[in-house]
Amino acid sequence: MPTDNFWYGTRLTERGNVFTADGYHTFLCIEPMRLFAERMEIPNVEWILLGGYGKLKRSWIESVMERKGNIPVFMIGSKLFKDVWRAPLIQEYPPLLYRPAEKTLPHCSECKYCYSVRQGKRGLWRACRHYKIVRQDKDSGGRHILGRYAAVSPQWCPKRPETNWRFTKRV
């Protein structure tokens, strides 16, 4: 079973072992910090979460920050943590949790191929008259665009980046 999208973490609330294993994505949540911050050896994990529960000192936070190496740190935004740290919280993520920016979907109402007819109090009736759609469908009036797609284009829209219009079925 692939484990790329699973993260296993240990929350330190008392002295004990930290789960780390090759082939697994692991993180460590240090909360409360008073027991571990200055004495604990940082284990081989991919991410460290620092919590603001209980008593907190800036020297404890700085101690962890000095020993963390290249491990990204996420400071959990509690009021106590913000008061003690007195700087913008560091909220880093491991590289695997960064996702590429999603492509924006075209809006039918902004498309030059969208044909709209007002239907009294009901609102607008929309049809797509894109040449690929008109050629594919028997109805030359275009394909009806359901109301839920007023803000974004339907799955069969030829302008959607991930759509292959030749293989979509009529909805």
Protein backbone atom coordinates (compact mmCIF):
# COMPACT_ATOMS: atom_id res chain seq x y z
CA MET A 1 0.00 0.00 0.00
CA PRO A 2 1.51 3.38 -0.95
CA THR A 3 2.25 5.63 2.00
CA ASP A 4 2.99 8.92 0.22
CA ASN A 5 -0.17 10.60 1.46
CA PHE A 6 -0.05 9.24 5.04
CA TRP A 7 1.70 11.11 7.84
CA TYR A 8 2.39 9.48 11.20
CA GLY A 9 3.02 11.68 14.18
CA THR A 10 3.96 11.54 17.80
CA ARG A 11 2.70 14.08 20.29
CA LEU A 12 5.04 14.37 23.20
CA THR A 13 3.08 14.78 26.38
CA GLU A 14 5.37 12.69 28.56
CA ARG A 15 8.74 11.05 28.22
CA GLY A 16 8.57 8.23 25.73
CA ASN A 17 9.62 6.98 22.35
CA VAL A 18 9.00 8.90 19.15
CA PHE A 19 7.76 6.93 16.15
CA THR A 20 10.14 7.20 13.20
CA ALA A 21 10.58 4.68 10.43
CA ASP A 22 12.09 4.55 6.97
CA GLY A 23 9.47 4.66 4.26
CA TYR A 24 6.96 6.61 6.35
CA HIS A 25 6.38 10.35 6.63
CA THR A 26 6.65 11.29 10.29
CA PHE A 27 6.21 14.41 12.35
CA LEU A 28 6.69 15.40 15.96
CA CYS A 29 4.35 17.61 17.99
CA ILE A 30 6.11 19.04 21.05
CA GLU A 31 3.41 20.09 23.48
CA PRO A 32 3.77 20.95 26.34
CA MET A 33 7.32 22.16 25.75
CA ARG A 34 8.62 22.42 29.32
CA LEU A 35 9.56 18.74 29.57
CA PHE A 36 11.43 18.43 26.29
CA ALA A 37 12.48 21.71 24.76
CA GLU A 38 16.02 22.07 26.14
CA ARG A 39 16.98 18.47 26.90
CA MET A 40 15.48 16.39 24.13
CA GLU A 41 17.41 15.23 21.10
CA ILE A 42 15.45 16.04 17.95
CA PRO A 43 14.64 12.72 16.24
CA ASN A 44 14.82 12.11 12.50
CA VAL A 45 11.38 13.40 11.48
CA GLU A 46 10.20 15.41 8.47
CA TRP A 47 8.22 18.04 10.35
CA ILE A 48 8.05 19.56 13.84
CA LEU A 49 4.93 21.17 15.31
CA LEU A 50 5.43 23.42 18.32
CA GLY A 51 2.39 23.81 20.53
CA GLY A 52 1.50 26.58 22.91
CA TYR A 53 -0.24 24.53 25.57
CA GLY A 54 0.73 25.03 29.20
CA LYS A 55 3.70 27.02 30.45
CA LEU A 56 5.93 28.42 27.70
CA LYS A 57 9.27 30.26 27.62
CA ARG A 58 10.95 31.92 24.66
CA SER A 59 14.25 30.17 25.53
CA TRP A 60 12.56 26.77 25.05
CA ILE A 61 11.34 27.76 21.59
CA GLU A 62 14.76 29.14 20.64
CA SER A 63 16.42 25.94 21.86
CA VAL A 64 14.29 23.81 19.54
CA MET A 65 14.86 26.23 16.66
CA GLU A 66 18.66 26.00 17.12
CA ARG A 67 18.69 22.18 17.12
CA LYS A 68 16.12 21.48 14.40
CA GLY A 69 18.56 21.60 11.48
CA ASN A 70 16.72 21.63 8.12
CA ILE A 71 13.45 20.28 9.51
CA PRO A 72 10.50 22.62 8.80
CA VAL A 73 8.75 23.96 11.91
CA PHE A 74 5.12 24.94 12.32
CA MET A 75 4.28 27.07 15.36
CA ILE A 76 0.68 26.47 16.38
CA GLY A 77 -1.00 29.86 16.68
CA SER A 78 -2.24 30.07 20.24
CA LYS A 79 -2.48 33.41 22.06
CA LEU A 80 0.12 32.28 24.59
CA PHE A 81 2.56 31.29 21.84
CA LYS A 82 2.13 34.63 20.06
CA ASP A 83 2.68 36.55 23.32
CA VAL A 84 5.85 34.65 24.18
CA TRP A 85 7.36 34.57 20.66
CA ARG A 86 6.62 38.28 19.95
CA ALA A 87 7.33 37.91 16.23
CA PRO A 88 5.44 36.49 13.25
CA LEU A 89 4.96 32.77 13.84
CA ILE A 90 7.02 30.44 11.72
CA GLN A 91 4.62 28.19 9.84
CA GLU A 92 6.62 26.02 7.47
CA TYR A 93 5.43 22.88 5.75
CA PRO A 94 7.40 19.90 4.44
CA PRO A 95 7.95 19.98 0.66
CA LEU A 96 5.55 17.06 0.16
CA LEU A 97 2.64 19.08 1.55
CA TYR A 98 3.05 21.92 -0.94
CA ARG A 99 0.74 21.54 -3.90
CA PRO A 100 0.97 23.26 -7.24
CA ALA A 101 -1.44 26.11 -7.73
CA GLU A 102 -4.71 24.92 -9.16
CA LYS A 103 -5.66 26.09 -12.59
CA THR A 104 -8.62 28.41 -12.55
CA LEU A 105 -11.69 27.12 -14.30
CA PRO A 106 -13.32 29.19 -17.00
CA HIS A 107 -16.70 30.71 -16.21
CA CYS A 108 -19.50 30.08 -18.68
CA SER A 109 -21.01 33.49 -18.09
CA GLU A 110 -17.73 35.08 -19.27
CA CYS A 111 -17.26 32.83 -22.31
CA LYS A 112 -17.96 34.24 -25.77
CA TYR A 113 -19.64 30.94 -26.77
CA CYS A 114 -22.20 31.13 -23.95
CA TYR A 115 -25.69 31.98 -25.17
CA SER A 116 -28.13 33.25 -22.53
CA VAL A 117 -31.90 33.76 -22.61
CA ARG A 118 -33.83 35.36 -19.73
CA GLN A 119 -36.66 33.11 -18.50
CA GLY A 120 -38.86 35.42 -16.47
CA LYS A 121 -38.26 35.20 -12.72
CA ARG A 122 -36.38 31.90 -13.03
CA GLY A 123 -33.21 33.54 -14.23
CA LEU A 124 -31.11 32.71 -17.24
CA TRP A 125 -31.13 29.68 -19.50
CA ARG A 126 -27.62 29.13 -20.85
CA ALA A 127 -26.28 27.06 -23.71
CA CYS A 128 -22.77 26.49 -24.99
CA ARG A 129 -22.40 27.21 -28.68
CA HIS A 130 -18.73 26.36 -28.98
CA TYR A 131 -18.05 24.97 -32.45
CA LYS A 132 -16.81 21.64 -31.01
CA ILE A 133 -20.01 21.23 -29.01
CA VAL A 134 -22.36 22.23 -31.84
CA ARG A 135 -20.59 19.83 -34.20
CA GLN A 136 -20.79 17.01 -31.65
CA ASP A 137 -24.44 17.51 -30.73
CA LYS A 138 -27.44 17.10 -33.02
CA ASP A 139 -29.07 20.19 -31.54
CA SER A 140 -27.58 23.22 -33.27
CA GLY A 141 -28.82 25.45 -30.43
CA GLY A 142 -25.89 24.28 -28.33
CA ARG A 143 -25.66 22.20 -25.21
CA HIS A 144 -27.70 23.30 -22.20
CA ILE A 145 -25.57 24.50 -19.25
CA LEU A 146 -27.16 23.50 -15.97
CA GLY A 147 -27.64 26.20 -13.32
CA ARG A 148 -25.03 24.78 -10.96
CA TYR A 149 -22.40 25.62 -13.58
CA ALA A 150 -23.17 29.34 -13.64
CA ALA A 151 -20.01 30.08 -11.66
CA VAL A 152 -17.72 27.49 -13.27
CA SER A 153 -17.80 25.58 -16.50
CA PRO A 154 -19.25 22.05 -16.72
CA GLN A 155 -16.97 19.01 -17.01
CA TRP A 156 -17.60 18.70 -20.75
CA CYS A 157 -16.53 22.28 -21.55
CA PRO A 158 -13.84 22.37 -24.28
CA LYS A 159 -12.16 25.31 -22.54
CA ARG A 160 -11.46 23.38 -19.34
CA PRO A 161 -7.77 22.53 -19.18
CA GLU A 162 -8.22 18.86 -18.22
CA THR A 163 -11.09 18.10 -20.61
CA ASN A 164 -10.83 16.07 -23.77
CA TRP A 165 -14.07 17.11 -25.42
CA ARG A 166 -14.15 14.21 -27.88
CA PHE A 167 -14.60 11.60 -25.16
CA THR A 168 -17.13 13.28 -22.92
CA LYS A 169 -20.70 12.08 -22.88
CA ARG A 170 -23.66 14.37 -22.97
CA VAL A 171 -24.92 15.13 -19.47
